C-alpha atoms as a PDB file:
ATOM      1  CA  MET A   1     -16.797  52.861  41.794  1.00  0.00           C
ATOM      2  CA  THR A   2     -18.718  51.348  38.910  1.00  0.00           C
ATOM      3  CA  ALA A   3     -17.529  48.109  37.266  1.00  0.00           C
ATOM      4  CA  ASP A   4     -15.885  50.181  34.518  1.00  0.00           C
ATOM      5  CA  GLN A   5     -14.099  52.398  37.042  1.00  0.00           C
ATOM      6  CA  GLU A   6     -12.752  49.762  39.405  1.00  0.00           C
ATOM      7  CA  HIS A   7      -9.021  49.269  38.922  1.00  0.00           C
ATOM      8  CA  LEU A   8      -5.871  47.740  40.381  1.00  0.00           C
ATOM      9  CA  LYS A   9      -2.836  49.890  41.188  1.00  0.00           C
ATOM     10  CA  CYS A  10       0.813  48.862  41.046  1.00  0.00           C
ATOM     11  CA  GLY A  11       1.729  47.249  44.370  1.00  0.00           C
ATOM     12  CA  THR A  12       5.455  47.721  43.829  1.00  0.00           C
ATOM     13  CA  TYR A  13       5.040  51.480  43.397  1.00  0.00           C
ATOM     14  CA  ALA A  14       2.843  51.637  46.508  1.00  0.00           C
ATOM     15  CA  LYS A  15       5.678  50.104  48.573  1.00  0.00           C
ATOM     16  CA  ASP A  16       8.598  51.843  46.876  1.00  0.00           C
ATOM     17  CA  LYS A  17       8.113  54.959  44.766  1.00  0.00           C
ATOM     18  CA  ASN A  18      11.466  54.311  43.080  1.00  0.00           C
ATOM     19  CA  GLY A  19      10.788  50.637  42.488  1.00  0.00           C
ATOM     20  CA  CYS A  20       8.349  51.154  39.613  1.00  0.00           C
ATOM     21  CA  THR A  21       6.122  53.713  37.919  1.00  0.00           C
ATOM     22  CA  ILE A  22       2.644  54.627  39.052  1.00  0.00           C
ATOM     23  CA  HIS A  23       0.287  52.678  36.805  1.00  0.00           C
ATOM     24  CA  PHE A  24      -3.006  50.817  36.986  1.00  0.00           C
ATOM     25  CA  ILE A  25      -5.313  48.576  35.002  1.00  0.00           C
ATOM     26  CA  ARG A  26      -9.082  48.393  35.026  1.00  0.00           C
ATOM     27  CA  THR A  27     -10.258  45.204  36.740  1.00  0.00           C
ATOM     28  CA  ILE A  28     -12.897  44.477  34.101  1.00  0.00           C
ATOM     29  CA  VAL A  29     -10.305  44.649  31.298  1.00  0.00           C
ATOM     30  CA  LEU A  30      -7.879  42.406  33.181  1.00  0.00           C
ATOM     31  CA  LYS A  31     -10.592  39.845  33.930  1.00  0.00           C
ATOM     32  CA  GLU A  32     -11.517  39.614  30.258  1.00  0.00           C
ATOM     33  CA  ILE A  33      -7.894  39.018  29.280  1.00  0.00           C
ATOM     34  CA  ILE A  34      -7.374  36.362  31.969  1.00  0.00           C
ATOM     35  CA  LEU A  35     -10.555  34.552  30.939  1.00  0.00           C
ATOM     36  CA  GLY A  36      -9.470  34.560  27.309  1.00  0.00           C
ATOM     37  CA  GLU A  37      -5.947  33.329  28.065  1.00  0.00           C
ATOM     38  CA  LEU A  38      -7.157  30.648  30.480  1.00  0.00           C
ATOM     39  CA  ASN A  39      -9.578  29.242  27.937  1.00  0.00           C
ATOM     40  CA  LYS A  40      -6.865  29.268  25.263  1.00  0.00           C
ATOM     41  CA  MET A  41      -4.600  27.341  27.628  1.00  0.00           C
ATOM     42  CA  ILE A  42      -7.328  24.822  28.476  1.00  0.00           C
ATOM     43  CA  SER A  43      -8.028  24.182  24.790  1.00  0.00           C
ATOM     44  CA  PHE A  44      -4.338  23.894  23.928  1.00  0.00           C
ATOM     45  CA  VAL A  45      -3.565  21.447  26.742  1.00  0.00           C
ATOM     46  CA  LYS A  46      -6.542  19.236  25.884  1.00  0.00           C
ATOM     47  CA  GLU A  47      -5.866  19.219  22.148  1.00  0.00           C
ATOM     48  CA  ASN A  48      -2.041  19.131  22.271  1.00  0.00           C
ATOM     49  CA  GLU A  49      -1.115  17.459  25.549  1.00  0.00           C
ATOM     50  CA  ASP A  50       2.139  15.906  24.305  1.00  0.00           C
ATOM     51  CA  GLU A  51       3.276  19.203  22.815  1.00  0.00           C
ATOM     52  CA  PHE A  52       2.421  21.014  26.044  1.00  0.00           C
ATOM     53  CA  VAL A  53       4.391  18.502  28.139  1.00  0.00           C
ATOM     54  CA  GLN A  54       7.356  18.869  25.792  1.00  0.00           C
ATOM     55  CA  ALA A  55       7.302  22.664  26.089  1.00  0.00           C
ATOM     56  CA  ALA A  56       6.780  22.605  29.852  1.00  0.00           C
ATOM     57  CA  MET A  57       9.653  20.177  30.408  1.00  0.00           C
ATOM     58  CA  ASP A  58      11.886  22.076  27.935  1.00  0.00           C
ATOM     59  CA  ASN A  59      12.629  18.690  26.387  1.00  0.00           C
ATOM     60  CA  SER A  60      10.958  15.829  24.570  1.00  0.00           C
ATOM     61  CA  VAL A  61       9.280  13.260  26.792  1.00  0.00           C
ATOM     62  CA  GLN A  62      11.433  10.531  25.254  1.00  0.00           C
ATOM     63  CA  LYS A  63      14.711  12.412  25.781  1.00  0.00           C
ATOM     64  CA  GLN A  64      13.746  13.441  29.311  1.00  0.00           C
ATOM     65  CA  SER A  65      12.981   9.821  30.175  1.00  0.00           C
ATOM     66  CA  SER A  66      16.220   8.649  28.557  1.00  0.00           C
ATOM     67  CA  GLU A  67      18.326  11.247  30.379  1.00  0.00           C
ATOM     68  CA  LEU A  68      16.731  10.337  33.701  1.00  0.00           C
ATOM     69  CA  ALA A  69      17.438   6.638  33.140  1.00  0.00           C
ATOM     70  CA  LYS A  70      21.093   7.389  32.315  1.00  0.00           C
ATOM     71  CA  SER A  71      21.427   9.674  35.332  1.00  0.00           C
ATOM     72  CA  ARG A  72      19.946   7.053  37.666  1.00  0.00           C
ATOM     73  CA  LYS A  73      22.426   4.472  36.352  1.00  0.00           C
ATOM     74  CA  LYS A  74      25.362   6.881  36.762  1.00  0.00           C
ATOM     75  CA  LEU A  75      24.197   7.661  40.303  1.00  0.00           C
ATOM     76  CA  LYS A  76      23.954   3.970  41.174  1.00  0.00           C
ATOM     77  CA  ASP A  77      27.408   3.270  39.707  1.00  0.00           C
ATOM     78  CA  ALA A  78      28.956   6.230  41.554  1.00  0.00           C
ATOM     79  CA  GLU A  79      27.446   5.161  44.894  1.00  0.00           C
ATOM     80  CA  LYS A  80      28.647   1.596  44.305  1.00  0.00           C
ATOM     81  CA  ARG A  81      32.185   2.818  43.574  1.00  0.00           C
ATOM     82  CA  ILE A  82      32.223   5.002  46.703  1.00  0.00           C
ATOM     83  CA  ALA A  83      31.322   1.974  48.824  1.00  0.00           C
ATOM     84  CA  GLU A  84      34.010  -0.052  47.040  1.00  0.00           C
ATOM     85  CA  LEU A  85      36.619   2.629  47.728  1.00  0.00           C
ATOM     86  CA  ASP A  86      35.674   2.560  51.414  1.00  0.00           C
ATOM     87  CA  ARG A  87      36.425  -1.176  51.476  1.00  0.00           C
ATOM     88  CA  LEU A  88      39.684  -0.705  49.557  1.00  0.00           C
ATOM     89  CA  PHE A  89      40.807   2.029  51.922  1.00  0.00           C
ATOM     90  CA  THR A  90      40.081  -0.186  54.932  1.00  0.00           C
ATOM     91  CA  ARG A  91      42.099  -3.038  53.401  1.00  0.00           C
ATOM     92  CA  LEU A  92      44.896  -0.613  52.496  1.00  0.00           C
ATOM     93  CA  TYR A  93      45.032   0.643  56.090  1.00  0.00           C
ATOM     94  CA  GLU A  94      45.188  -2.898  57.427  1.00  0.00           C
ATOM     95  CA  ASP A  95      47.996  -3.784  54.993  1.00  0.00           C
ATOM     96  CA  ASN A  96      49.932  -0.721  56.129  1.00  0.00           C
ATOM     97  CA  VAL A  97      49.485  -1.555  59.804  1.00  0.00           C
ATOM     98  CA  SER A  98      50.600  -5.159  59.209  1.00  0.00           C
ATOM     99  CA  GLY A  99      53.624  -3.976  57.250  1.00  0.00           C
ATOM    100  CA  LYS A 100      52.575  -5.384  53.879  1.00  0.00           C
ATOM    101  CA  ILE A 101      52.941  -1.933  52.283  1.00  0.00           C
ATOM    102  CA  SER A 102      55.197   0.967  53.230  1.00  0.00           C
ATOM    103  CA  ASP A 103      53.998   4.240  54.705  1.00  0.00           C
ATOM    104  CA  GLU A 104      55.006   6.030  51.487  1.00  0.00           C
ATOM    105  CA  ARG A 105      52.983   3.623  49.350  1.00  0.00           C
ATOM    106  CA  PHE A 106      50.044   3.932  51.742  1.00  0.00           C
ATOM    107  CA  ALA A 107      50.137   7.721  51.543  1.00  0.00           C
ATOM    108  CA  VAL A 108      50.137   7.719  47.720  1.00  0.00           C
ATOM    109  CA  MET A 109      47.366   5.117  47.357  1.00  0.00           C
ATOM    110  CA  SER A 110      45.144   6.551  50.090  1.00  0.00           C
ATOM    111  CA  ALA A 111      45.452  10.037  48.570  1.00  0.00           C
ATOM    112  CA  GLY A 112      44.352   8.601  45.222  1.00  0.00           C
ATOM    113  CA  TYR A 113      41.346   6.862  46.800  1.00  0.00           C
ATOM    114  CA  GLU A 114      40.334   9.993  48.686  1.00  0.00           C
ATOM    115  CA  ASP A 115      40.601  12.157  45.571  1.00  0.00           C
ATOM    116  CA  GLU A 116      38.442   9.745  43.577  1.00  0.00           C
ATOM    117  CA  GLN A 117      35.871   9.596  46.364  1.00  0.00           C
ATOM    118  CA  LYS A 118      35.725  13.389  46.565  1.00  0.00           C
ATOM    119  CA  LYS A 119      34.996  13.628  42.835  1.00  0.00           C
ATOM    120  CA  LEU A 120      32.421  10.840  43.028  1.00  0.00           C
ATOM    121  CA  ARG A 121      30.600  12.482  45.942  1.00  0.00           C
ATOM    122  CA  SER A 122      30.405  15.710  43.937  1.00  0.00           C
ATOM    123  CA  THR A 123      28.995  13.744  40.992  1.00  0.00           C
ATOM    124  CA  VAL A 124      26.456  12.033  43.265  1.00  0.00           C
ATOM    125  CA  ALA A 125      25.278  15.402  44.601  1.00  0.00           C
ATOM    126  CA  GLU A 126      24.863  16.832  41.087  1.00  0.00           C
ATOM    127  CA  LEU A 127      23.049  13.752  39.785  1.00  0.00           C
ATOM    128  CA  SER A 128      20.752  13.633  42.811  1.00  0.00           C
ATOM    129  CA  THR A 129      19.811  17.285  42.331  1.00  0.00           C
ATOM    130  CA  TYR A 130      19.169  16.763  38.608  1.00  0.00           C
ATOM    131  CA  ILE A 131      17.025  13.678  39.191  1.00  0.00           C
ATOM    132  CA  ASP A 132      15.004  15.301  41.992  1.00  0.00           C
ATOM    133  CA  THR A 133      14.412  18.441  39.900  1.00  0.00           C
ATOM    134  CA  ALA A 134      13.383  16.488  36.795  1.00  0.00           C
ATOM    135  CA  GLU A 135      11.046  14.213  38.744  1.00  0.00           C
ATOM    136  CA  GLN A 136       9.470  17.175  40.546  1.00  0.00           C
ATOM    137  CA  LYS A 137       9.001  19.037  37.263  1.00  0.00           C
ATOM    138  CA  SER A 138       7.346  15.993  35.725  1.00  0.00           C
ATOM    139  CA  ALA A 139       5.018  15.705  38.735  1.00  0.00           C
ATOM    140  CA  ASP A 140       4.190  19.432  38.527  1.00  0.00           C
ATOM    141  CA  VAL A 141       3.316  19.235  34.823  1.00  0.00           C
ATOM    142  CA  THR A 142       1.113  16.212  35.486  1.00  0.00           C
ATOM    143  CA  ALA A 143      -0.640  18.032  38.344  1.00  0.00           C
ATOM    144  CA  PHE A 144      -1.296  21.083  36.145  1.00  0.00           C
ATOM    145  CA  ILE A 145      -2.719  18.952  33.328  1.00  0.00           C
ATOM    146  CA  LYS A 146      -4.968  17.161  35.826  1.00  0.00           C
ATOM    147  CA  ALA A 147      -6.239  20.524  37.099  1.00  0.00           C
ATOM    148  CA  VAL A 148      -6.880  21.800  33.558  1.00  0.00           C
ATOM    149  CA  GLN A 149      -8.810  18.642  32.628  1.00  0.00           C
ATOM    150  CA  LYS A 150     -11.492  19.618  35.158  1.00  0.00           C
ATOM    151  CA  TYR A 151     -12.591  22.540  32.997  1.00  0.00           C
ATOM    152  CA  GLU A 152     -14.261  22.764  29.599  1.00  0.00           C
ATOM    153  CA  HIS A 153     -14.774  26.510  29.196  1.00  0.00           C
ATOM    154  CA  ILE A 154     -14.498  29.040  31.999  1.00  0.00           C
ATOM    155  CA  THR A 155     -17.115  31.779  31.920  1.00  0.00           C
ATOM    156  CA  GLU A 156     -16.446  33.350  35.313  1.00  0.00           C
ATOM    157  CA  LEU A 157     -13.258  33.765  37.312  1.00  0.00           C
ATOM    158  CA  THR A 158     -13.340  32.523  40.889  1.00  0.00           C
ATOM    159  CA  PRO A 159     -10.637  32.567  43.579  1.00  0.00           C
ATOM    160  CA  GLU A 160     -10.488  28.754  43.335  1.00  0.00           C
ATOM    161  CA  ILE A 161      -9.768  28.820  39.596  1.00  0.00           C
ATOM    162  CA  MET A 162      -7.178  31.562  39.986  1.00  0.00           C
ATOM    163  CA  HIS A 163      -5.313  29.749  42.766  1.00  0.00           C
ATOM    164  CA  GLU A 164      -5.497  26.388  41.022  1.00  0.00           C
ATOM    165  CA  LEU A 165      -4.232  27.485  37.609  1.00  0.00           C
ATOM    166  CA  ILE A 166      -2.307  30.755  38.007  1.00  0.00           C
ATOM    167  CA  GLU A 167       0.829  31.509  40.016  1.00  0.00           C
ATOM    168  CA  LYS A 168       1.010  35.253  39.376  1.00  0.00           C
ATOM    169  CA  ILE A 169       0.086  38.003  36.924  1.00  0.00           C
ATOM    170  CA  VAL A 170       2.514  40.769  35.982  1.00  0.00           C
ATOM    171  CA  ILE A 171       1.084  44.046  34.685  1.00  0.00           C
ATOM    172  CA  HIS A 172       3.639  46.182  32.866  1.00  0.00           C
ATOM    173  CA  ALA A 173       3.604  49.972  32.746  1.00  0.00           C
ATOM    174  CA  PRO A 174       1.472  51.406  29.930  1.00  0.00           C
ATOM    175  CA  ASP A 175       2.842  52.126  26.468  1.00  0.00           C
ATOM    176  CA  LYS A 176       1.385  55.146  24.649  1.00  0.00           C
ATOM    177  CA  SER A 177       3.643  55.084  21.585  1.00  0.00           C
ATOM    178  CA  SER A 178       0.754  53.909  19.369  1.00  0.00           C
ATOM    179  CA  GLY A 179      -1.293  56.971  20.238  1.00  0.00           C
ATOM    180  CA  HIS A 180      -3.420  55.240  22.835  1.00  0.00           C
ATOM    181  CA  ARG A 181      -2.818  53.329  26.044  1.00  0.00           C
ATOM    182  CA  THR A 182      -1.786  49.650  25.903  1.00  0.00           C
ATOM    183  CA  GLN A 183      -0.293  47.384  28.547  1.00  0.00           C
ATOM    184  CA  GLU A 184       1.539  44.075  28.349  1.00  0.00           C
ATOM    185  CA  ILE A 185       0.181  41.359  30.634  1.00  0.00           C
ATOM    186  CA  GLU A 186       2.164  38.279  31.672  1.00  0.00           C
ATOM    187  CA  ILE A 187       0.247  35.303  33.058  1.00  0.00           C
ATOM    188  CA  HIS A 188       2.465  32.845  34.917  1.00  0.00           C
ATOM    189  CA  TYR A 189       0.729  29.493  35.360  1.00  0.00           C
ATOM    190  CA  ARG A 190       1.035  27.230  38.392  1.00  0.00           C
ATOM    191  CA  PHE A 191       4.193  25.167  38.867  1.00  0.00           C
ATOM    192  CA  ASP A 192       5.999  27.413  36.372  1.00  0.00           C
ATOM    193  CA  VAL A 193       4.740  25.236  33.490  1.00  0.00           C
ATOM    194  CA  ALA A 194       4.081  28.127  31.095  1.00  0.00           C
ATOM    195  CA  VAL A 195       3.882  31.885  30.669  1.00  0.00           C
ATOM    196  CA  THR A 196       1.565  33.609  28.218  1.00  0.00           C
ATOM    197  CA  THR A 197       1.511  37.278  27.282  1.00  0.00           C
ATOM    198  CA  ALA A 198      -1.335  39.469  26.119  1.00  0.00           C
ATOM    199  CA  VAL A 199      -1.864  43.164  25.451  1.00  0.00           C
ATOM    200  CA  ALA A 200      -4.537  45.129  27.292  1.00  0.00           C
ATOM    201  CA  ASP A 201      -6.020  47.818  25.072  1.00  0.00           C
ATOM    202  CA  SER A 202      -8.674  49.811  26.910  1.00  0.00           C
ATOM    203  CA  MET A 203      -9.745  51.577  23.706  1.00  0.00           C
ATOM    204  CA  LYS A 204     -10.530  48.287  21.960  1.00  0.00           C
ATOM    205  CA  TYR A 205     -12.370  47.063  25.030  1.00  0.00           C
ATOM    206  CA  ASP A 206     -14.511  50.206  25.220  1.00  0.00           C
ATOM    207  CA  LYS A 207     -15.345  50.011  21.500  1.00  0.00           C
ATOM    208  CA  LYS A 208     -16.340  46.359  21.824  1.00  0.00           C
ATOM    209  CA  ARG A 209     -18.473  47.094  24.899  1.00  0.00           C
ATOM    210  CA  LYS A 210     -20.265  49.965  23.145  1.00  0.00           C
ATOM    211  CA  ALA A 211     -20.883  47.852  20.057  1.00  0.00           C
ATOM    212  CA  ALA A 212     -22.420  45.148  22.219  1.00  0.00           C
END
């Protein structure tokens, strides 16, 4: 095949005829779109880093930092209270054994301690998950920005660039409602920091190539 003929076919359809429709996209058209979108992303990140971080984190940097600080404090307080309840339960058991409190009183108080501990352990698990996720997301965004900073303007796609900056590319089935063939392209960037969409229009590409 010539460069203009080479194309990519739908992998989902190849595996499961009922999973998608049979469609394709010319490689040369897709490459042009990816190059354009990558360079837009590079420019945007370099010129609007704070805005990019805010969008990628789905929150303002200040609020994210504030929420993390509050969550860490709540986690520390919850863990401290769990340890305290362990000590109280031990003392309660000793008082019951020595006869200082009745079995009925022991049963009521120990049930209360256990219920509080159960709720606190659930809170600790939720807070730990939130903190780990937020910290990982922050690290991922930082890693993506660091990778982007290596480039000024990409003129040629290489496997290294694709693997470093892009997680996956989704090619939708063609739409012919406008009278000619167009396709929506989704570019998912590494670490799930952003998704951009573009429209592949083979007719526009061919016209531009002929004019050149």
